[in-house]
Amino acid sequence: MTPQEIMDGLANKNRLLTAKNEEYKELVEKYALAKQAYNISVATKILTLKSEGQSITLIPKLVAGDEWVSKLCYQMDVAEGVMNACRESIKDIREAIGTYRSILTWQRAELTGQD
């Protein structure tokens, strides 16, 4: 790789990192909203079941089995998975930037004759 190719690659990875960081912020917000909706739904369902006189020991299973609550749980789980995948992508980009920097350092040392 030429130094220019390395610098171009490094610049590209830095742009990509900036974009991924912005995407990650949006995904964190989506996850937080999904978690909020899920928690509110669970609390509401628990209160409804308690007011109906449902057995305390059955309430957790009934809440988990509720169609709406389980849909919100699914949405929260998916949002968390997408958020985590984005975070891993950010780590990969940072590692690629580190690799480019190492190659530049090595090439500089080769050109100057340093060890």
Protein backbone atom coordinates (compact mmCIF):
# COMPACT_ATOMS: atom_id res chain seq x y z
CA MET A 1 0.00 0.00 0.00
CA THR A 2 1.20 3.46 -0.81
CA PRO A 3 1.11 6.14 1.86
CA GLN A 4 -1.65 7.89 -0.11
CA GLU A 5 -3.77 4.73 -0.20
CA ILE A 6 -3.30 4.37 3.54
CA MET A 7 -4.25 8.00 4.18
CA ASP A 8 -7.31 7.62 1.91
CA GLY A 9 -8.32 4.46 3.75
CA LEU A 10 -7.81 6.14 7.09
CA ALA A 11 -9.91 9.13 6.04
CA ASN A 12 -12.64 6.81 4.78
CA LYS A 13 -12.70 4.86 8.06
CA ASN A 14 -12.87 8.11 10.03
CA ARG A 15 -15.89 9.24 7.98
CA LEU A 16 -17.48 5.83 8.48
CA LEU A 17 -16.81 6.00 12.23
CA THR A 18 -18.50 9.39 12.46
CA ALA A 19 -21.55 8.08 10.59
CA LYS A 20 -21.72 4.94 12.75
CA ASN A 21 -21.49 7.00 15.93
CA GLU A 22 -24.47 9.08 14.76
CA GLU A 23 -26.36 5.88 13.88
CA TYR A 24 -25.52 4.44 17.30
CA LYS A 25 -27.00 7.50 19.05
CA GLU A 26 -30.25 7.00 17.14
CA LEU A 27 -30.31 3.28 17.93
CA VAL A 28 -29.73 3.92 21.64
CA GLU A 29 -32.72 6.26 21.63
CA LYS A 30 -34.88 3.69 19.81
CA TYR A 31 -33.88 1.04 22.33
CA ALA A 32 -34.64 3.35 25.26
CA LEU A 33 -38.07 4.17 23.85
CA ALA A 34 -38.81 0.48 23.24
CA LYS A 35 -37.74 -0.37 26.79
CA GLN A 36 -39.87 2.45 28.17
CA ALA A 37 -42.94 1.25 26.26
CA TYR A 38 -42.34 -2.32 27.44
CA ASN A 39 -41.93 -1.33 31.09
CA ILE A 40 -45.06 0.83 31.05
CA SER A 41 -47.02 -1.99 29.42
CA VAL A 42 -45.82 -4.50 32.01
CA ALA A 43 -46.71 -2.19 34.89
CA THR A 44 -50.13 -1.47 33.44
CA LYS A 45 -50.86 -5.15 32.88
CA ILE A 46 -49.74 -6.04 36.42
CA LEU A 47 -52.01 -3.38 37.92
CA THR A 48 -54.92 -4.54 35.77
CA LEU A 49 -54.47 -8.16 36.80
CA LYS A 50 -54.13 -7.20 40.48
CA SER A 51 -57.30 -5.12 40.32
CA GLU A 52 -59.10 -8.10 38.76
CA GLY A 53 -58.07 -10.18 41.79
CA GLN A 54 -55.70 -12.43 39.88
CA SER A 55 -53.40 -14.63 41.96
CA ILE A 56 -50.07 -12.90 42.65
CA THR A 57 -48.12 -16.03 41.72
CA LEU A 58 -49.75 -16.22 38.29
CA ILE A 59 -49.34 -12.55 37.37
CA PRO A 60 -45.75 -12.75 36.02
CA LYS A 61 -46.68 -15.59 33.65
CA LEU A 62 -49.88 -13.90 32.56
CA VAL A 63 -48.04 -10.66 31.91
CA ALA A 64 -45.30 -12.41 29.91
CA GLY A 65 -47.91 -14.25 27.90
CA ASP A 66 -49.92 -11.17 27.05
CA GLU A 67 -49.85 -10.57 23.29
CA TRP A 68 -49.20 -6.83 23.51
CA VAL A 69 -46.54 -7.14 26.23
CA SER A 70 -44.73 -9.89 24.33
CA LYS A 71 -44.82 -7.78 21.14
CA LEU A 72 -43.22 -4.89 22.99
CA CYS A 73 -40.66 -7.25 24.52
CA TYR A 74 -39.80 -8.50 21.03
CA GLN A 75 -39.39 -4.94 19.74
CA MET A 76 -37.16 -4.11 22.69
CA ASP A 77 -35.03 -7.22 22.12
CA VAL A 78 -34.64 -6.44 18.42
CA ALA A 79 -33.72 -2.80 19.16
CA GLU A 80 -31.11 -4.00 21.65
CA GLY A 81 -29.66 -6.47 19.15
CA VAL A 82 -29.39 -3.85 16.41
CA MET A 83 -27.81 -1.42 18.86
CA ASN A 84 -25.26 -4.03 19.95
CA ALA A 85 -24.44 -4.91 16.32
CA CYS A 86 -23.80 -1.25 15.61
CA ARG A 87 -21.53 -1.02 18.66
CA GLU A 88 -19.53 -4.01 17.38
CA SER A 89 -19.28 -2.36 13.97
CA ILE A 90 -17.85 0.74 15.65
CA LYS A 91 -15.25 -1.43 17.39
CA ASP A 92 -14.30 -3.01 14.04
CA ILE A 93 -13.89 0.41 12.43
CA ARG A 94 -11.69 1.58 15.33
CA GLU A 95 -9.54 -1.52 14.92
CA ALA A 96 -9.19 -0.81 11.19
CA ILE A 97 -8.12 2.76 11.99
CA GLY A 98 -5.53 1.37 14.39
CA THR A 99 -4.28 -0.97 11.69
CA TYR A 100 -3.89 1.90 9.22
CA ARG A 101 -1.99 3.89 11.85
CA SER A 102 0.30 0.94 12.53
CA ILE A 103 1.03 0.52 8.83
CA LEU A 104 1.83 4.24 8.54
CA THR A 105 4.13 4.04 11.55
CA TRP A 106 5.87 0.99 10.12
CA GLN A 107 6.30 2.63 6.70
CA ARG A 108 7.68 5.79 8.27
CA ALA A 109 10.19 3.72 10.23
CA GLU A 110 11.17 1.86 7.04
CA LEU A 111 11.69 5.11 5.13
CA THR A 112 13.75 6.75 7.85
CA GLY A 113 15.70 3.60 8.61
CA GLN A 114 14.65 3.47 12.26
CA ASP A 115 14.02 0.27 14.20
